[in-house]
Amino acid sequence: MYDDYLIKKEKYPNSVILMKSGSFYRTYDHDAIIISYLCQYKIIKNMLGFPVHSLSKVLKELKCEEVNFIVDDEFNFSLENDENYLVLFEKSLEMYKLKSRIDKIYCYLNENIERRFVKKLIDKIEEIINER
């Protein structure tokens, strides 16, 4: 499936590519970071999957951001201006890196500090990040 994704991505570099796999849609690499940012889904390695019934939510978010997308060659959304993809990716990547750092801090704190204090610290960190 990843090879098929790469072929489509090469043809449409500034579009989010969503590919159906059973009862899920999957996307990879930069597109996974964008969908994770928009919908708060978790990335595992370089892949993100979400249930078929959540497709309308994902597409709504992409349309709001005016980002081109292709869903399994069946549904396309194209705008003449495809620069929004790159702008959204940069913003998404910044947040992805921040969340990755928070996860590392959380793991460290969880191993070294009493649990109830860890929760308070993480809540405070998230509050600060969400103010951005």
N, C-alpha and C. Protein backbone atom coordinates (compact mmCIF):
# COMPACT_ATOMS: atom_id res chain seq x y z
N MET A 1 0.82 -1.19 0.00
CA MET A 1 0.00 0.00 0.00
C MET A 1 0.87 1.26 0.00
N TYR A 2 1.96 1.22 0.76
CA TYR A 2 2.84 2.39 0.83
C TYR A 2 3.41 2.73 -0.55
N ASP A 3 3.75 1.69 -1.33
CA ASP A 3 4.28 1.94 -2.67
C ASP A 3 3.24 2.65 -3.55
N ASP A 4 1.98 2.24 -3.45
CA ASP A 4 0.90 2.90 -4.20
C ASP A 4 0.77 4.36 -3.76
N TYR A 5 0.89 4.58 -2.45
CA TYR A 5 0.83 5.93 -1.92
C TYR A 5 1.94 6.79 -2.54
N LEU A 6 3.15 6.26 -2.56
CA LEU A 6 4.29 7.03 -3.09
C LEU A 6 4.11 7.38 -4.57
N ILE A 7 3.52 6.46 -5.34
CA ILE A 7 3.27 6.73 -6.76
C ILE A 7 2.29 7.89 -6.90
N LYS A 8 1.22 7.86 -6.11
CA LYS A 8 0.22 8.94 -6.16
C LYS A 8 0.81 10.25 -5.65
N LYS A 9 1.63 10.14 -4.61
CA LYS A 9 2.22 11.36 -4.02
C LYS A 9 3.17 12.03 -5.00
N GLU A 10 3.87 11.23 -5.78
CA GLU A 10 4.77 11.79 -6.77
C GLU A 10 3.98 12.58 -7.83
N LYS A 11 2.81 12.08 -8.17
CA LYS A 11 1.96 12.74 -9.16
C LYS A 11 1.27 13.98 -8.60
N TYR A 12 0.91 13.93 -7.30
CA TYR A 12 0.19 15.02 -6.63
C TYR A 12 0.92 15.42 -5.35
N PRO A 13 2.06 16.05 -5.44
CA PRO A 13 2.88 16.33 -4.25
C PRO A 13 2.25 17.28 -3.24
N ASN A 14 1.37 18.17 -3.69
CA ASN A 14 0.76 19.14 -2.77
C ASN A 14 -0.70 18.82 -2.47
N SER A 15 -1.01 17.53 -2.45
CA SER A 15 -2.34 17.06 -2.08
C SER A 15 -2.20 16.00 -1.00
N VAL A 16 -3.17 15.95 -0.10
CA VAL A 16 -3.21 14.89 0.89
C VAL A 16 -3.82 13.66 0.20
N ILE A 17 -3.12 12.54 0.31
CA ILE A 17 -3.56 11.29 -0.31
C ILE A 17 -4.10 10.38 0.78
N LEU A 18 -5.36 9.97 0.63
CA LEU A 18 -6.00 9.06 1.58
C LEU A 18 -6.34 7.77 0.84
N MET A 19 -5.89 6.64 1.39
CA MET A 19 -6.09 5.36 0.73
C MET A 19 -6.88 4.41 1.63
N LYS A 20 -7.93 3.80 1.06
CA LYS A 20 -8.78 2.90 1.83
C LYS A 20 -8.11 1.54 1.98
N SER A 21 -8.17 1.04 3.21
CA SER A 21 -7.63 -0.28 3.52
C SER A 21 -8.61 -0.96 4.48
N GLY A 22 -9.49 -1.79 3.96
CA GLY A 22 -10.51 -2.42 4.80
C GLY A 22 -11.48 -1.38 5.32
N SER A 23 -11.62 -1.31 6.62
CA SER A 23 -12.55 -0.34 7.21
C SER A 23 -11.83 0.91 7.73
N PHE A 24 -10.64 1.15 7.18
CA PHE A 24 -9.85 2.33 7.56
C PHE A 24 -9.35 3.06 6.33
N TYR A 25 -9.02 4.33 6.53
CA TYR A 25 -8.26 5.09 5.55
C TYR A 25 -6.88 5.30 6.15
N ARG A 26 -5.88 5.25 5.27
CA ARG A 26 -4.50 5.45 5.72
C ARG A 26 -3.83 6.53 4.90
N THR A 27 -2.89 7.18 5.55
CA THR A 27 -2.03 8.12 4.87
C THR A 27 -0.66 8.07 5.54
N TYR A 28 0.33 8.65 4.90
CA TYR A 28 1.71 8.48 5.34
C TYR A 28 2.47 9.81 5.32
N ASP A 29 3.63 9.76 5.93
CA ASP A 29 4.62 10.83 5.85
C ASP A 29 4.04 12.22 6.16
N HIS A 30 4.25 13.18 5.26
CA HIS A 30 3.79 14.55 5.50
C HIS A 30 2.27 14.62 5.65
N ASP A 31 1.57 13.83 4.86
CA ASP A 31 0.11 13.84 4.92
C ASP A 31 -0.38 13.36 6.29
N ALA A 32 0.31 12.39 6.86
CA ALA A 32 -0.05 11.89 8.19
C ALA A 32 0.13 12.99 9.23
N ILE A 33 1.17 13.77 9.11
CA ILE A 33 1.41 14.86 10.05
C ILE A 33 0.30 15.90 9.95
N ILE A 34 -0.13 16.20 8.73
CA ILE A 34 -1.21 17.17 8.55
C ILE A 34 -2.52 16.66 9.16
N ILE A 35 -2.88 15.41 8.88
CA ILE A 35 -4.14 14.86 9.41
C ILE A 35 -4.07 14.74 10.93
N SER A 36 -2.92 14.39 11.45
CA SER A 36 -2.75 14.32 12.89
C SER A 36 -2.99 15.68 13.53
N TYR A 37 -2.44 16.71 12.93
CA TYR A 37 -2.62 18.08 13.43
C TYR A 37 -4.08 18.51 13.38
N LEU A 38 -4.74 18.25 12.27
CA LEU A 38 -6.11 18.71 12.09
C LEU A 38 -7.12 17.93 12.94
N CYS A 39 -6.90 16.63 13.09
CA CYS A 39 -7.92 15.77 13.71
C CYS A 39 -7.47 15.09 15.00
N GLN A 40 -6.25 15.34 15.43
CA GLN A 40 -5.70 14.77 16.65
C GLN A 40 -5.61 13.25 16.62
N TYR A 41 -5.36 12.68 15.45
CA TYR A 41 -5.12 11.24 15.34
C TYR A 41 -3.65 10.97 15.57
N LYS A 42 -3.35 9.79 16.05
CA LYS A 42 -1.98 9.43 16.39
C LYS A 42 -1.25 8.81 15.19
N ILE A 43 -0.01 9.22 15.02
CA ILE A 43 0.85 8.67 13.97
C ILE A 43 1.66 7.52 14.59
N ILE A 44 1.69 6.41 13.89
CA ILE A 44 2.51 5.27 14.31
C ILE A 44 3.55 5.08 13.22
N LYS A 45 4.80 5.26 13.62
CA LYS A 45 5.92 5.32 12.68
C LYS A 45 5.62 6.42 11.69
N ASN A 46 5.45 6.13 10.42
CA ASN A 46 5.16 7.20 9.46
C ASN A 46 3.73 7.12 8.93
N MET A 47 2.86 6.32 9.57
CA MET A 47 1.51 6.06 9.07
C MET A 47 0.44 6.51 10.05
N LEU A 48 -0.66 6.99 9.49
CA LEU A 48 -1.82 7.36 10.29
C LEU A 48 -3.04 6.68 9.67
N GLY A 49 -3.87 6.07 10.51
CA GLY A 49 -5.09 5.45 10.03
C GLY A 49 -6.28 5.96 10.84
N PHE A 50 -7.43 6.01 10.19
CA PHE A 50 -8.66 6.40 10.88
C PHE A 50 -9.82 5.62 10.26
N PRO A 51 -10.89 5.40 11.04
CA PRO A 51 -12.01 4.60 10.56
C PRO A 51 -12.74 5.27 9.39
N VAL A 52 -13.33 4.44 8.55
CA VAL A 52 -14.07 4.92 7.38
C VAL A 52 -15.14 5.94 7.79
N HIS A 53 -15.83 5.69 8.90
CA HIS A 53 -16.90 6.59 9.31
C HIS A 53 -16.41 7.98 9.72
N SER A 54 -15.10 8.16 9.85
CA SER A 54 -14.54 9.47 10.20
C SER A 54 -14.09 10.27 8.97
N LEU A 55 -14.28 9.70 7.79
CA LEU A 55 -13.81 10.37 6.58
C LEU A 55 -14.41 11.76 6.41
N SER A 56 -15.70 11.91 6.65
CA SER A 56 -16.33 13.22 6.45
C SER A 56 -15.72 14.27 7.36
N LYS A 57 -15.36 13.89 8.59
CA LYS A 57 -14.70 14.82 9.52
C LYS A 57 -13.35 15.27 8.96
N VAL A 58 -12.57 14.32 8.47
CA VAL A 58 -11.25 14.63 7.93
C VAL A 58 -11.37 15.54 6.70
N LEU A 59 -12.28 15.19 5.80
CA LEU A 59 -12.44 15.99 4.58
C LEU A 59 -12.93 17.39 4.90
N LYS A 60 -13.79 17.52 5.89
CA LYS A 60 -14.27 18.84 6.30
C LYS A 60 -13.11 19.71 6.76
N GLU A 61 -12.22 19.13 7.55
CA GLU A 61 -11.05 19.88 8.04
C GLU A 61 -10.13 20.29 6.88
N LEU A 62 -9.92 19.38 5.94
CA LEU A 62 -9.07 19.71 4.79
C LEU A 62 -9.69 20.81 3.93
N LYS A 63 -10.99 20.74 3.74
CA LYS A 63 -11.66 21.79 2.96
C LYS A 63 -11.58 23.13 3.67
N CYS A 64 -11.75 23.12 4.99
CA CYS A 64 -11.65 24.37 5.75
C CYS A 64 -10.28 25.01 5.59
N GLU A 65 -9.26 24.18 5.50
CA GLU A 65 -7.89 24.68 5.33
C GLU A 65 -7.55 24.93 3.86
N GLU A 66 -8.52 24.62 2.98
CA GLU A 66 -8.34 24.77 1.54
C GLU A 66 -7.11 24.03 1.03
N VAL A 67 -7.05 22.74 1.41
CA VAL A 67 -5.96 21.88 1.00
C VAL A 67 -6.50 20.84 0.02
N ASN A 68 -5.77 20.64 -1.07
CA ASN A 68 -6.15 19.63 -2.05
C ASN A 68 -6.05 18.24 -1.45
N PHE A 69 -6.96 17.35 -1.86
CA PHE A 69 -6.87 15.96 -1.40
C PHE A 69 -7.41 15.01 -2.45
N ILE A 70 -6.97 13.76 -2.33
CA ILE A 70 -7.43 12.68 -3.19
C ILE A 70 -7.76 11.51 -2.28
N VAL A 71 -8.96 10.97 -2.45
CA VAL A 71 -9.40 9.83 -1.64
C VAL A 71 -9.55 8.64 -2.57
N ASP A 72 -8.61 7.72 -2.49
CA ASP A 72 -8.70 6.45 -3.22
C ASP A 72 -9.10 6.61 -4.69
N ASP A 73 -8.63 7.64 -5.34
CA ASP A 73 -8.93 7.92 -6.75
C ASP A 73 -10.41 8.14 -7.03
N GLU A 74 -11.25 8.16 -6.01
CA GLU A 74 -12.69 8.30 -6.22
C GLU A 74 -13.17 9.72 -5.96
N PHE A 75 -12.54 10.42 -5.04
CA PHE A 75 -13.03 11.72 -4.62
C PHE A 75 -11.85 12.67 -4.57
N ASN A 76 -11.97 13.74 -5.32
CA ASN A 76 -10.88 14.72 -5.38
C ASN A 76 -11.39 16.10 -5.00
N PHE A 77 -10.51 16.86 -4.42
CA PHE A 77 -10.80 18.26 -4.11
C PHE A 77 -9.57 19.03 -4.55
N SER A 78 -9.73 19.86 -5.56
CA SER A 78 -8.58 20.57 -6.11
C SER A 78 -8.86 22.06 -6.20
N LEU A 79 -7.89 22.80 -5.76
CA LEU A 79 -7.91 24.26 -5.88
C LEU A 79 -6.75 24.65 -6.78
N GLU A 80 -6.89 25.76 -7.44
CA GLU A 80 -5.79 26.22 -8.30
C GLU A 80 -4.55 26.52 -7.47
N ASN A 81 -4.75 27.07 -6.29
CA ASN A 81 -3.63 27.43 -5.43
C ASN A 81 -3.34 26.26 -4.49
N ASP A 82 -2.21 25.60 -4.71
CA ASP A 82 -1.87 24.46 -3.86
C ASP A 82 -0.80 24.81 -2.82
N GLU A 83 -0.54 26.10 -2.62
CA GLU A 83 0.45 26.52 -1.62
C GLU A 83 -0.02 26.27 -0.20
N ASN A 84 -1.33 26.17 0.00
CA ASN A 84 -1.87 25.94 1.34
C ASN A 84 -1.35 24.64 1.95
N TYR A 85 -1.08 23.65 1.10
CA TYR A 85 -0.55 22.38 1.59
C TYR A 85 0.77 22.61 2.33
N LEU A 86 1.66 23.34 1.70
CA LEU A 86 2.99 23.56 2.30
C LEU A 86 2.91 24.39 3.58
N VAL A 87 2.05 25.40 3.58
CA VAL A 87 1.88 26.24 4.77
C VAL A 87 1.32 25.39 5.92
N LEU A 88 0.30 24.60 5.62
CA LEU A 88 -0.30 23.75 6.65
C LEU A 88 0.67 22.69 7.13
N PHE A 89 1.47 22.14 6.21
CA PHE A 89 2.46 21.14 6.62
C PHE A 89 3.46 21.72 7.61
N GLU A 90 3.96 22.91 7.32
CA GLU A 90 4.94 23.54 8.22
C GLU A 90 4.35 23.75 9.61
N LYS A 91 3.13 24.23 9.67
CA LYS A 91 2.46 24.44 10.95
C LYS A 91 2.24 23.10 11.66
N SER A 92 1.81 22.11 10.90
CA SER A 92 1.56 20.78 11.47
C SER A 92 2.84 20.14 11.99
N LEU A 93 3.91 20.30 11.24
CA LEU A 93 5.20 19.73 11.64
C LEU A 93 5.69 20.36 12.95
N GLU A 94 5.53 21.66 13.07
CA GLU A 94 5.94 22.34 14.30
C GLU A 94 5.19 21.77 15.51
N MET A 95 3.88 21.58 15.37
CA MET A 95 3.09 21.03 16.47
C MET A 95 3.45 19.56 16.73
N TYR A 96 3.71 18.81 15.68
CA TYR A 96 4.11 17.41 15.82
C TYR A 96 5.41 17.29 16.62
N LYS A 97 6.35 18.16 16.32
CA LYS A 97 7.62 18.15 17.05
C LYS A 97 7.40 18.51 18.52
N LEU A 98 6.55 19.51 18.78
CA LEU A 98 6.25 19.89 20.16
C LEU A 98 5.61 18.73 20.93
N LYS A 99 4.65 18.08 20.30
CA LYS A 99 3.98 16.96 20.97
C LYS A 99 4.93 15.80 21.20
N SER A 100 5.84 15.57 20.29
CA SER A 100 6.85 14.52 20.47
C SER A 100 7.74 14.83 21.67
N ARG A 101 8.11 16.10 21.81
CA ARG A 101 8.92 16.50 22.97
C ARG A 101 8.14 16.32 24.27
N ILE A 102 6.86 16.68 24.24
CA ILE A 102 6.02 16.50 25.43
C ILE A 102 5.92 15.02 25.79
N ASP A 103 5.75 14.17 24.80
CA ASP A 103 5.68 12.72 25.06
C ASP A 103 6.96 12.22 25.73
N LYS A 104 8.10 12.70 25.26
CA LYS A 104 9.37 12.28 25.86
C LYS A 104 9.48 12.78 27.30
N ILE A 105 9.07 14.02 27.52
CA ILE A 105 9.08 14.58 28.88
C ILE A 105 8.14 13.77 29.77
N TYR A 106 6.96 13.47 29.26
CA TYR A 106 5.98 12.69 30.03
C TYR A 106 6.56 11.33 30.43
N CYS A 107 7.19 10.64 29.50
CA CYS A 107 7.77 9.33 29.80
C CYS A 107 8.84 9.45 30.88
N TYR A 108 9.68 10.47 30.76
CA TYR A 108 10.71 10.67 31.76
C TYR A 108 10.09 10.95 33.13
N LEU A 109 9.15 11.87 33.17
CA LEU A 109 8.51 12.22 34.44
C LEU A 109 7.77 11.03 35.04
N ASN A 110 7.11 10.30 34.20
CA ASN A 110 6.34 9.15 34.66
C ASN A 110 7.24 8.11 35.32
N GLU A 111 8.44 7.98 34.82
CA GLU A 111 9.39 7.01 35.39
C GLU A 111 10.08 7.54 36.65
N ASN A 112 10.11 8.87 36.82
CA ASN A 112 10.94 9.42 37.89
C ASN A 112 10.21 10.25 38.95
N ILE A 113 8.94 10.52 38.75
CA ILE A 113 8.20 11.36 39.69
C ILE A 113 6.86 10.69 40.00
N GLU A 114 6.37 10.95 41.19
CA GLU A 114 5.08 10.40 41.60
C GLU A 114 3.99 10.77 40.59
N ARG A 115 3.13 9.83 40.26
CA ARG A 115 2.14 9.95 39.19
C ARG A 115 1.23 11.19 39.28
N ARG A 116 0.75 11.53 40.44
CA ARG A 116 -0.19 12.66 40.55
C ARG A 116 0.48 13.99 40.19
N PHE A 117 1.77 14.11 40.44
CA PHE A 117 2.48 15.33 40.07
C PHE A 117 2.72 15.39 38.56
N VAL A 118 2.93 14.24 37.94
CA VAL A 118 3.14 14.17 36.50
C VAL A 118 1.91 14.70 35.77
N LYS A 119 0.74 14.29 36.17
CA LYS A 119 -0.51 14.72 35.53
C LYS A 119 -0.64 16.24 35.59
N LYS A 120 -0.36 16.84 36.74
CA LYS A 120 -0.44 18.29 36.87
C LYS A 120 0.56 19.00 35.95
N LEU A 121 1.78 18.47 35.89
CA LEU A 121 2.80 19.08 35.02
C LEU A 121 2.40 19.00 33.55
N ILE A 122 1.92 17.84 33.13
CA ILE A 122 1.53 17.67 31.74
C ILE A 122 0.35 18.59 31.39
N ASP A 123 -0.62 18.68 32.28
CA ASP A 123 -1.76 19.58 32.05
C ASP A 123 -1.29 21.02 31.87
N LYS A 124 -0.33 21.43 32.66
CA LYS A 124 0.20 22.80 32.57
C LYS A 124 0.95 23.01 31.24
N ILE A 125 1.75 22.03 30.86
CA ILE A 125 2.48 22.11 29.59
C ILE A 125 1.51 22.21 28.42
N GLU A 126 0.49 21.37 28.41
CA GLU A 126 -0.51 21.41 27.33
C GLU A 126 -1.25 22.74 27.31
N GLU A 127 -1.55 23.28 28.47
CA GLU A 127 -2.21 24.58 28.54
C GLU A 127 -1.36 25.65 27.88
N ILE A 128 -0.07 25.63 28.15
CA ILE A 128 0.85 26.61 27.57
C ILE A 128 0.92 26.45 26.06
N ILE A 129 1.02 25.22 25.59
CA ILE A 129 1.11 24.97 24.15
C ILE A 129 -0.17 25.39 23.44
N ASN A 130 -1.30 25.12 24.03
CA ASN A 130 -2.58 25.45 23.39
C ASN A 130 -2.82 26.95 23.31
N GLU A 131 -2.09 27.72 24.09
CA GLU A 131 -2.20 29.18 24.02
C GLU A 131 -1.57 29.74 22.75
N ARG A 132 -0.73 28.97 22.10
CA ARG A 132 -0.02 29.43 20.89
C ARG A 132 -0.99 29.72 19.84
